[in-house]
Amino acid sequence: MNTPSHIEEQLSQFFGSYKAEWLKEHMFELFTEPSYFPELVTSRPCMLLGGRGTGKTTVLRSLSYEGQFALRGKKPNEIPNWRYYGVYYRVNTNRVTAFTGPELDEVKWSKIFAHYFNLVCCDLLITFLEWHYLHCPNLPRLNNNDCNRIAASLHLTGANDLAELARKITEAQTRFEAYINNIADDDAMPLSLQGAPIDALCEAIATLPHFHEKDIFILIDEYENLEDYQQQVVNTLIKHSGQLYSFKIGVRELGWRCRTTLNRNEVN
């Protein structure tokens, strides 16, 4: 029998929070597809603009592969039939504000942040592939040539398979975050070309038969946490995405402060 205190505790658990991530796995139990949802599952980039508590995080998380898996009843045999696969990233203020300071000018910071964002996106996509292969072990995987090419684009030593590539990308991201905190005292690290590793990875994914003509979404939440020059970097990726992958962005009102790309004549 539920006591009044137990009922109050349950109500507080579901309705007392305004941040979707606090609900954890219960988020998908409460999800109701909004009327605009069909517009989000196309290959074109989209911006979700709204105030706190308007459901941006819930919608973006529902587009992720974890969200789709939960919403579709956790049926591994149906995963290859999905029309799209999304990877979710929430902008962490602690991370992105480390890419500022008087040590470097904005042009150099832009190149450094672009490399970091390459690492972040590739790590998300590789993690998804590992999850996919765990649930669908009989489907083809990235071959040795693909793994080596992706590693080379990030200035990493060769990777023989997906597991080795995943490990090297995760380690590179950790090392790079540590390097940023000591950037004034260290020699310059090699940087990847903006967007090139993401393109290489998504090209390799697209060659696999079970991903043929499927959409890949990179879902970025709390876009307002990016510095203005960082929004310009990501705006450039958004502007030129669409064929291999596209971006779905969640941002607060007035949080999309910079709408130009690195080419200041281009506007999103």
C-alpha atoms as a PDB file:
ATOM      1  CA  MET A   1       0.000   0.000   0.000  1.00  0.00           C
ATOM      2  CA  ASN A   2       1.347   3.427  -0.948  1.00  0.00           C
ATOM      3  CA  THR A   3       1.604   5.819   1.989  1.00  0.00           C
ATOM      4  CA  PRO A   4       1.160   9.601   1.473  1.00  0.00           C
ATOM      5  CA  SER A   5       4.905  10.106   1.910  1.00  0.00           C
ATOM      6  CA  HIS A   6       5.669   7.415  -0.686  1.00  0.00           C
ATOM      7  CA  ILE A   7       3.254   8.979  -3.189  1.00  0.00           C
ATOM      8  CA  GLU A   8       4.776  12.410  -2.556  1.00  0.00           C
ATOM      9  CA  GLU A   9       8.251  10.970  -3.161  1.00  0.00           C
ATOM     10  CA  GLN A  10       7.143   9.451  -6.476  1.00  0.00           C
ATOM     11  CA  LEU A  11       5.520  12.701  -7.624  1.00  0.00           C
ATOM     12  CA  SER A  12       8.642  14.634  -6.698  1.00  0.00           C
ATOM     13  CA  GLN A  13      10.815  12.172  -8.627  1.00  0.00           C
ATOM     14  CA  PHE A  14       8.907  12.667 -11.874  1.00  0.00           C
ATOM     15  CA  PHE A  15       7.622  16.230 -11.634  1.00  0.00           C
ATOM     16  CA  GLY A  16       9.951  17.972  -9.211  1.00  0.00           C
ATOM     17  CA  SER A  17      12.856  18.242 -11.670  1.00  0.00           C
ATOM     18  CA  TYR A  18      13.225  20.646 -14.535  1.00  0.00           C
ATOM     19  CA  LYS A  19      16.334  19.096 -16.077  1.00  0.00           C
ATOM     20  CA  ALA A  20      15.700  16.070 -18.277  1.00  0.00           C
ATOM     21  CA  GLU A  21      19.052  14.444 -17.449  1.00  0.00           C
ATOM     22  CA  TRP A  22      18.054  14.229 -13.791  1.00  0.00           C
ATOM     23  CA  LEU A  23      15.333  11.758 -14.791  1.00  0.00           C
ATOM     24  CA  LYS A  24      17.965   9.366 -16.181  1.00  0.00           C
ATOM     25  CA  GLU A  25      16.347   6.306 -17.787  1.00  0.00           C
ATOM     26  CA  HIS A  26      12.855   7.510 -16.794  1.00  0.00           C
ATOM     27  CA  MET A  27      13.151  10.252 -19.415  1.00  0.00           C
ATOM     28  CA  PHE A  28      12.149   7.879 -22.210  1.00  0.00           C
ATOM     29  CA  GLU A  29       9.224   6.445 -20.221  1.00  0.00           C
ATOM     30  CA  LEU A  30       7.705   9.931 -20.114  1.00  0.00           C
ATOM     31  CA  PHE A  31       8.540  10.958 -23.691  1.00  0.00           C
ATOM     32  CA  THR A  32       5.703  12.053 -25.972  1.00  0.00           C
ATOM     33  CA  GLU A  33       6.640  12.753 -29.578  1.00  0.00           C
ATOM     34  CA  PRO A  34       6.076  16.466 -30.357  1.00  0.00           C
ATOM     35  CA  SER A  35       4.247  17.595 -33.492  1.00  0.00           C
ATOM     36  CA  TYR A  36       7.461  18.925 -35.062  1.00  0.00           C
ATOM     37  CA  PHE A  37       9.330  15.632 -34.606  1.00  0.00           C
ATOM     38  CA  PRO A  38       9.058  14.564 -38.305  1.00  0.00           C
ATOM     39  CA  GLU A  39      10.954  17.735 -39.278  1.00  0.00           C
ATOM     40  CA  LEU A  40      13.887  16.659 -37.094  1.00  0.00           C
ATOM     41  CA  VAL A  41      14.397  13.241 -38.685  1.00  0.00           C
ATOM     42  CA  THR A  42      15.303  14.586 -42.128  1.00  0.00           C
ATOM     43  CA  SER A  43      18.878  14.900 -43.348  1.00  0.00           C
ATOM     44  CA  ARG A  44      18.964  18.692 -43.070  1.00  0.00           C
ATOM     45  CA  PRO A  45      20.461  20.438 -40.013  1.00  0.00           C
ATOM     46  CA  CYS A  46      17.996  21.768 -37.420  1.00  0.00           C
ATOM     47  CA  MET A  47      18.119  24.189 -34.491  1.00  0.00           C
ATOM     48  CA  LEU A  48      15.831  23.642 -31.484  1.00  0.00           C
ATOM     49  CA  LEU A  49      15.445  27.057 -29.884  1.00  0.00           C
ATOM     50  CA  GLY A  50      13.677  27.436 -26.543  1.00  0.00           C
ATOM     51  CA  GLY A  51      13.926  28.382 -22.893  1.00  0.00           C
ATOM     52  CA  ARG A  52      14.774  26.147 -19.982  1.00  0.00           C
ATOM     53  CA  GLY A  53      12.306  23.313 -19.509  1.00  0.00           C
ATOM     54  CA  THR A  54      10.851  23.411 -23.027  1.00  0.00           C
ATOM     55  CA  GLY A  55      11.972  19.857 -23.823  1.00  0.00           C
ATOM     56  CA  LYS A  56      15.046  20.392 -26.011  1.00  0.00           C
ATOM     57  CA  THR A  57      17.155  17.850 -24.150  1.00  0.00           C
ATOM     58  CA  THR A  58      14.389  15.249 -24.091  1.00  0.00           C
ATOM     59  CA  VAL A  59      13.834  15.530 -27.846  1.00  0.00           C
ATOM     60  CA  LEU A  60      17.547  15.380 -28.665  1.00  0.00           C
ATOM     61  CA  ARG A  61      18.092  12.417 -26.363  1.00  0.00           C
ATOM     62  CA  SER A  62      15.148  10.649 -27.974  1.00  0.00           C
ATOM     63  CA  LEU A  63      16.889  11.029 -31.349  1.00  0.00           C
ATOM     64  CA  SER A  64      20.030   9.336 -30.034  1.00  0.00           C
ATOM     65  CA  TYR A  65      20.611   5.634 -30.552  1.00  0.00           C
ATOM     66  CA  GLU A  66      20.172   5.034 -26.800  1.00  0.00           C
ATOM     67  CA  GLY A  67      16.861   6.866 -26.884  1.00  0.00           C
ATOM     68  CA  GLN A  68      15.610   5.073 -29.976  1.00  0.00           C
ATOM     69  CA  PHE A  69      16.591   1.725 -28.488  1.00  0.00           C
ATOM     70  CA  ALA A  70      14.573   2.460 -25.336  1.00  0.00           C
ATOM     71  CA  LEU A  71      11.583   3.927 -27.182  1.00  0.00           C
ATOM     72  CA  ARG A  72      11.444   0.996 -29.624  1.00  0.00           C
ATOM     73  CA  GLY A  73      11.279  -1.603 -26.859  1.00  0.00           C
ATOM     74  CA  LYS A  74      14.982  -2.590 -26.745  1.00  0.00           C
ATOM     75  CA  LYS A  75      14.786  -5.010 -29.678  1.00  0.00           C
ATOM     76  CA  PRO A  76      18.301  -5.660 -31.070  1.00  0.00           C
ATOM     77  CA  ASN A  77      17.026  -7.433 -34.179  1.00  0.00           C
ATOM     78  CA  GLU A  78      15.305  -4.211 -35.308  1.00  0.00           C
ATOM     79  CA  ILE A  79      18.377  -1.973 -35.025  1.00  0.00           C
ATOM     80  CA  PRO A  80      19.554  -2.518 -38.650  1.00  0.00           C
ATOM     81  CA  ASN A  81      16.116  -1.371 -39.878  1.00  0.00           C
ATOM     82  CA  TRP A  82      16.243   2.069 -38.251  1.00  0.00           C
ATOM     83  CA  ARG A  83      16.227   5.002 -40.687  1.00  0.00           C
ATOM     84  CA  TYR A  84      18.627   7.130 -38.651  1.00  0.00           C
ATOM     85  CA  TYR A  85      21.160   6.906 -35.826  1.00  0.00           C
ATOM     86  CA  GLY A  86      22.038   9.805 -33.556  1.00  0.00           C
ATOM     87  CA  VAL A  87      24.919  10.440 -31.155  1.00  0.00           C
ATOM     88  CA  TYR A  88      24.296  12.873 -28.293  1.00  0.00           C
ATOM     89  CA  TYR A  89      26.748  15.434 -26.878  1.00  0.00           C
ATOM     90  CA  ARG A  90      26.044  17.998 -24.165  1.00  0.00           C
ATOM     91  CA  VAL A  91      28.400  20.977 -24.224  1.00  0.00           C
ATOM     92  CA  ASN A  92      30.286  21.006 -20.926  1.00  0.00           C
ATOM     93  CA  THR A  93      31.222  24.513 -19.789  1.00  0.00           C
ATOM     94  CA  ASN A  94      34.182  23.152 -17.787  1.00  0.00           C
ATOM     95  CA  ARG A  95      35.678  21.725 -20.991  1.00  0.00           C
ATOM     96  CA  VAL A  96      35.015  24.441 -23.545  1.00  0.00           C
ATOM     97  CA  THR A  97      36.076  27.392 -21.392  1.00  0.00           C
ATOM     98  CA  ALA A  98      39.530  25.794 -21.125  1.00  0.00           C
ATOM     99  CA  PHE A  99      39.990  26.781 -24.794  1.00  0.00           C
ATOM    100  CA  THR A 100      40.262  30.477 -23.971  1.00  0.00           C
ATOM    101  CA  GLY A 101      42.936  32.707 -22.554  1.00  0.00           C
ATOM    102  CA  PRO A 102      45.640  35.237 -23.361  1.00  0.00           C
ATOM    103  CA  GLU A 103      48.216  32.554 -24.201  1.00  0.00           C
ATOM    104  CA  LEU A 104      46.970  32.346 -27.817  1.00  0.00           C
ATOM    105  CA  ASP A 105      45.039  34.517 -30.210  1.00  0.00           C
ATOM    106  CA  GLU A 106      41.554  33.551 -31.394  1.00  0.00           C
ATOM    107  CA  VAL A 107      42.740  32.165 -34.735  1.00  0.00           C
ATOM    108  CA  LYS A 108      44.995  29.635 -32.981  1.00  0.00           C
ATOM    109  CA  TRP A 109      42.320  28.810 -30.416  1.00  0.00           C
ATOM    110  CA  SER A 110      39.917  28.104 -33.289  1.00  0.00           C
ATOM    111  CA  LYS A 111      42.271  25.544 -34.839  1.00  0.00           C
ATOM    112  CA  ILE A 112      42.901  23.902 -31.483  1.00  0.00           C
ATOM    113  CA  PHE A 113      39.205  23.727 -30.628  1.00  0.00           C
ATOM    114  CA  ALA A 114      38.404  22.372 -34.111  1.00  0.00           C
ATOM    115  CA  HIS A 115      40.815  19.484 -33.493  1.00  0.00           C
ATOM    116  CA  TYR A 116      39.265  18.838 -30.083  1.00  0.00           C
ATOM    117  CA  PHE A 117      35.781  18.818 -31.594  1.00  0.00           C
ATOM    118  CA  ASN A 118      36.988  16.324 -34.226  1.00  0.00           C
ATOM    119  CA  LEU A 119      38.098  14.050 -31.393  1.00  0.00           C
ATOM    120  CA  VAL A 120      34.791  14.476 -29.533  1.00  0.00           C
ATOM    121  CA  CYS A 121      32.633  13.662 -32.573  1.00  0.00           C
ATOM    122  CA  CYS A 122      34.772  10.709 -33.652  1.00  0.00           C
ATOM    123  CA  ASP A 123      34.703   9.323 -30.119  1.00  0.00           C
ATOM    124  CA  LEU A 124      30.889   9.565 -30.065  1.00  0.00           C
ATOM    125  CA  LEU A 125      30.563   7.852 -33.443  1.00  0.00           C
ATOM    126  CA  ILE A 126      33.031   5.082 -32.609  1.00  0.00           C
ATOM    127  CA  THR A 127      31.245   4.446 -29.302  1.00  0.00           C
ATOM    128  CA  PHE A 128      28.011   4.111 -31.265  1.00  0.00           C
ATOM    129  CA  LEU A 129      29.625   1.624 -33.674  1.00  0.00           C
ATOM    130  CA  GLU A 130      30.866  -0.479 -30.762  1.00  0.00           C
ATOM    131  CA  TRP A 131      27.348  -0.461 -29.301  1.00  0.00           C
ATOM    132  CA  HIS A 132      25.891  -1.385 -32.689  1.00  0.00           C
ATOM    133  CA  TYR A 133      28.274  -4.311 -33.154  1.00  0.00           C
ATOM    134  CA  LEU A 134      27.616  -5.502 -29.612  1.00  0.00           C
ATOM    135  CA  HIS A 135      23.895  -5.782 -30.415  1.00  0.00           C
ATOM    136  CA  CYS A 136      24.345  -6.899 -34.048  1.00  0.00           C
ATOM    137  CA  PRO A 137      27.543  -8.995 -33.961  1.00  0.00           C
ATOM    138  CA  ASN A 138      27.009 -10.687 -37.327  1.00  0.00           C
ATOM    139  CA  LEU A 139      27.053  -7.503 -39.408  1.00  0.00           C
ATOM    140  CA  PRO A 140      30.201  -6.244 -41.214  1.00  0.00           C
ATOM    141  CA  ARG A 141      32.582  -3.917 -39.390  1.00  0.00           C
ATOM    142  CA  LEU A 142      35.031  -1.212 -40.385  1.00  0.00           C
ATOM    143  CA  ASN A 143      38.043  -2.814 -42.026  1.00  0.00           C
ATOM    144  CA  ASN A 144      41.717  -2.292 -41.292  1.00  0.00           C
ATOM    145  CA  ASN A 145      42.167   0.289 -44.061  1.00  0.00           C
ATOM    146  CA  ASP A 146      39.270   2.387 -42.784  1.00  0.00           C
ATOM    147  CA  CYS A 147      40.548   2.310 -39.205  1.00  0.00           C
ATOM    148  CA  ASN A 148      44.043   3.295 -40.299  1.00  0.00           C
ATOM    149  CA  ARG A 149      42.743   6.153 -42.450  1.00  0.00           C
ATOM    150  CA  ILE A 150      40.620   7.570 -39.632  1.00  0.00           C
ATOM    151  CA  ALA A 151      43.515   7.269 -37.173  1.00  0.00           C
ATOM    152  CA  ALA A 152      45.873   9.030 -39.604  1.00  0.00           C
ATOM    153  CA  SER A 153      43.422  11.923 -40.060  1.00  0.00           C
ATOM    154  CA  LEU A 154      43.643  12.514 -36.288  1.00  0.00           C
ATOM    155  CA  HIS A 155      47.464  12.178 -36.227  1.00  0.00           C
ATOM    156  CA  LEU A 156      47.215   8.851 -34.387  1.00  0.00           C
ATOM    157  CA  THR A 157      49.307   5.778 -35.075  1.00  0.00           C
ATOM    158  CA  GLY A 158      47.654   3.003 -37.050  1.00  0.00           C
ATOM    159  CA  ALA A 159      44.704   1.060 -35.672  1.00  0.00           C
ATOM    160  CA  ASN A 160      44.087  -2.528 -36.789  1.00  0.00           C
ATOM    161  CA  ASP A 161      40.442  -2.713 -35.767  1.00  0.00           C
ATOM    162  CA  LEU A 162      37.556  -0.772 -34.254  1.00  0.00           C
ATOM    163  CA  ALA A 163      38.448  -1.596 -30.649  1.00  0.00           C
ATOM    164  CA  GLU A 164      42.008  -0.306 -31.075  1.00  0.00           C
ATOM    165  CA  LEU A 165      40.779   2.820 -32.863  1.00  0.00           C
ATOM    166  CA  ALA A 166      38.268   3.495 -30.076  1.00  0.00           C
ATOM    167  CA  ARG A 167      40.960   3.158 -27.432  1.00  0.00           C
ATOM    168  CA  LYS A 168      43.366   5.471 -29.244  1.00  0.00           C
ATOM    169  CA  ILE A 169      40.760   8.183 -29.827  1.00  0.00           C
ATOM    170  CA  THR A 170      39.674   8.121 -26.172  1.00  0.00           C
ATOM    171  CA  GLU A 171      43.297   8.323 -25.023  1.00  0.00           C
ATOM    172  CA  ALA A 172      44.032  11.147 -27.483  1.00  0.00           C
ATOM    173  CA  GLN A 173      41.068  13.153 -26.206  1.00  0.00           C
ATOM    174  CA  THR A 174      42.189  12.690 -22.598  1.00  0.00           C
ATOM    175  CA  ARG A 175      45.776  13.681 -23.426  1.00  0.00           C
ATOM    176  CA  PHE A 176      44.609  16.714 -25.393  1.00  0.00           C
ATOM    177  CA  GLU A 177      42.431  17.954 -22.515  1.00  0.00           C
ATOM    178  CA  ALA A 178      45.445  17.663 -20.211  1.00  0.00           C
ATOM    179  CA  TYR A 179      47.616  19.444 -22.779  1.00  0.00           C
ATOM    180  CA  ILE A 180      45.246  22.424 -22.975  1.00  0.00           C
ATOM    181  CA  ASN A 181      45.737  23.188 -19.294  1.00  0.00           C
ATOM    182  CA  ASN A 182      49.497  23.459 -19.921  1.00  0.00           C
ATOM    183  CA  ILE A 183      49.414  25.026 -23.370  1.00  0.00           C
ATOM    184  CA  ALA A 184      51.711  27.909 -22.419  1.00  0.00           C
ATOM    185  CA  ASP A 185      54.452  25.531 -21.249  1.00  0.00           C
ATOM    186  CA  ASP A 186      54.321  22.828 -23.933  1.00  0.00           C
ATOM    187  CA  ASP A 187      55.308  22.453 -27.555  1.00  0.00           C
ATOM    188  CA  ALA A 188      52.516  22.565 -30.114  1.00  0.00           C
ATOM    189  CA  MET A 189      50.719  19.273 -30.744  1.00  0.00           C
ATOM    190  CA  PRO A 190      49.765  18.210 -34.298  1.00  0.00           C
ATOM    191  CA  LEU A 191      46.218  19.244 -35.183  1.00  0.00           C
ATOM    192  CA  SER A 192      43.727  17.628 -37.523  1.00  0.00           C
ATOM    193  CA  LEU A 193      41.942  19.508 -40.297  1.00  0.00           C
ATOM    194  CA  GLN A 194      38.539  20.763 -39.196  1.00  0.00           C
ATOM    195  CA  GLY A 195      35.841  18.209 -40.053  1.00  0.00           C
ATOM    196  CA  ALA A 196      38.157  15.912 -42.041  1.00  0.00           C
ATOM    197  CA  PRO A 197      38.238  13.011 -39.529  1.00  0.00           C
ATOM    198  CA  ILE A 198      34.451  13.187 -39.097  1.00  0.00           C
ATOM    199  CA  ASP A 199      34.040  13.044 -42.878  1.00  0.00           C
ATOM    200  CA  ALA A 200      36.446  10.105 -43.142  1.00  0.00           C
ATOM    201  CA  LEU A 201      34.641   8.163 -40.419  1.00  0.00           C
ATOM    202  CA  CYS A 202      31.166   8.822 -41.819  1.00  0.00           C
ATOM    203  CA  GLU A 203      32.343   7.908 -45.330  1.00  0.00           C
ATOM    204  CA  ALA A 204      33.578   4.576 -43.959  1.00  0.00           C
ATOM    205  CA  ILE A 205      30.296   4.006 -42.110  1.00  0.00           C
ATOM    206  CA  ALA A 206      28.314   4.742 -45.281  1.00  0.00           C
ATOM    207  CA  THR A 207      30.137   1.966 -47.170  1.00  0.00           C
ATOM    208  CA  LEU A 208      28.785  -0.671 -44.785  1.00  0.00           C
ATOM    209  CA  PRO A 209      25.655  -2.246 -46.319  1.00  0.00           C
ATOM    210  CA  HIS A 210      23.490  -1.942 -43.200  1.00  0.00           C
ATOM    211  CA  PHE A 211      24.171   1.824 -43.072  1.00  0.00           C
ATOM    212  CA  HIS A 212      23.502   2.410 -46.766  1.00  0.00           C
ATOM    213  CA  GLU A 213      21.223   5.435 -47.253  1.00  0.00           C
ATOM    214  CA  LYS A 214      20.798   5.830 -43.475  1.00  0.00           C
ATOM    215  CA  ASP A 215      21.075   9.230 -41.756  1.00  0.00           C
ATOM    216  CA  ILE A 216      23.684   9.978 -39.098  1.00  0.00           C
ATOM    217  CA  PHE A 217      22.792  12.759 -36.651  1.00  0.00           C
ATOM    218  CA  ILE A 218      25.242  14.564 -34.360  1.00  0.00           C
ATOM    219  CA  LEU A 219      23.062  15.950 -31.568  1.00  0.00           C
ATOM    220  CA  ILE A 220      24.516  18.904 -29.662  1.00  0.00           C
ATOM    221  CA  ASP A 221      22.765  20.134 -26.537  1.00  0.00           C
ATOM    222  CA  GLU A 222      23.303  23.393 -24.619  1.00  0.00           C
ATOM    223  CA  TYR A 223      24.897  25.099 -27.619  1.00  0.00           C
ATOM    224  CA  GLU A 224      24.835  28.381 -25.687  1.00  0.00           C
ATOM    225  CA  ASN A 225      27.711  27.099 -23.532  1.00  0.00           C
ATOM    226  CA  LEU A 226      30.124  27.406 -26.465  1.00  0.00           C
ATOM    227  CA  GLU A 227      32.250  30.520 -26.733  1.00  0.00           C
ATOM    228  CA  ASP A 228      31.419  32.780 -29.686  1.00  0.00           C
ATOM    229  CA  TYR A 229      34.447  31.668 -31.719  1.00  0.00           C
ATOM    230  CA  GLN A 230      33.577  28.026 -30.909  1.00  0.00           C
ATOM    231  CA  GLN A 231      30.058  28.526 -32.235  1.00  0.00           C
ATOM    232  CA  GLN A 232      31.693  29.858 -35.392  1.00  0.00           C
ATOM    233  CA  VAL A 233      33.747  26.642 -35.702  1.00  0.00           C
ATOM    234  CA  VAL A 234      30.710  24.402 -35.255  1.00  0.00           C
ATOM    235  CA  ASN A 235      28.574  26.667 -37.464  1.00  0.00           C
ATOM    236  CA  THR A 236      31.028  25.912 -40.266  1.00  0.00           C
ATOM    237  CA  LEU A 237      30.562  22.173 -39.793  1.00  0.00           C
ATOM    238  CA  ILE A 238      26.777  22.624 -39.696  1.00  0.00           C
ATOM    239  CA  LYS A 239      26.810  24.719 -42.869  1.00  0.00           C
ATOM    240  CA  HIS A 240      28.694  22.099 -44.856  1.00  0.00           C
ATOM    241  CA  SER A 241      27.064  18.972 -43.453  1.00  0.00           C
ATOM    242  CA  GLY A 242      24.109  17.105 -44.880  1.00  0.00           C
ATOM    243  CA  GLN A 243      25.400  14.464 -47.265  1.00  0.00           C
ATOM    244  CA  LEU A 244      27.187  12.151 -44.818  1.00  0.00           C
ATOM    245  CA  TYR A 245      25.811  13.444 -41.514  1.00  0.00           C
ATOM    246  CA  SER A 246      23.877  16.399 -40.136  1.00  0.00           C
ATOM    247  CA  PHE A 247      23.590  18.333 -36.900  1.00  0.00           C
ATOM    248  CA  LYS A 248      20.588  18.779 -34.629  1.00  0.00           C
ATOM    249  CA  ILE A 249      21.234  21.574 -32.130  1.00  0.00           C
ATOM    250  CA  GLY A 250      19.516  22.471 -28.866  1.00  0.00           C
ATOM    251  CA  VAL A 251      20.052  26.070 -27.735  1.00  0.00           C
ATOM    252  CA  ARG A 252      18.401  28.492 -25.332  1.00  0.00           C
ATOM    253  CA  GLU A 253      16.771  31.677 -26.529  1.00  0.00           C
ATOM    254  CA  LEU A 254      19.460  34.262 -27.349  1.00  0.00           C
ATOM    255  CA  GLY A 255      22.077  31.530 -26.937  1.00  0.00           C
ATOM    256  CA  TRP A 256      22.935  31.304 -30.633  1.00  0.00           C
ATOM    257  CA  ARG A 257      25.043  34.437 -30.440  1.00  0.00           C
ATOM    258  CA  CYS A 258      27.243  33.914 -33.492  1.00  0.00           C
ATOM    259  CA  ARG A 259      25.607  32.806 -36.743  1.00  0.00           C
ATOM    260  CA  THR A 260      28.500  33.206 -39.157  1.00  0.00           C
ATOM    261  CA  THR A 261      30.948  30.481 -40.144  1.00  0.00           C
ATOM    262  CA  LEU A 262      34.729  30.839 -40.242  1.00  0.00           C
ATOM    263  CA  ASN A 263      34.036  32.559 -43.547  1.00  0.00           C
ATOM    264  CA  ARG A 264      32.361  35.675 -42.140  1.00  0.00           C
ATOM    265  CA  ASN A 265      30.387  36.106 -45.361  1.00  0.00           C
ATOM    266  CA  GLU A 266      28.563  32.806 -44.685  1.00  0.00           C
ATOM    267  CA  VAL A 267      25.590  32.902 -42.328  1.00  0.00           C
ATOM    268  CA  ASN A 268      23.555  29.964 -41.003  1.00  0.00           C
END
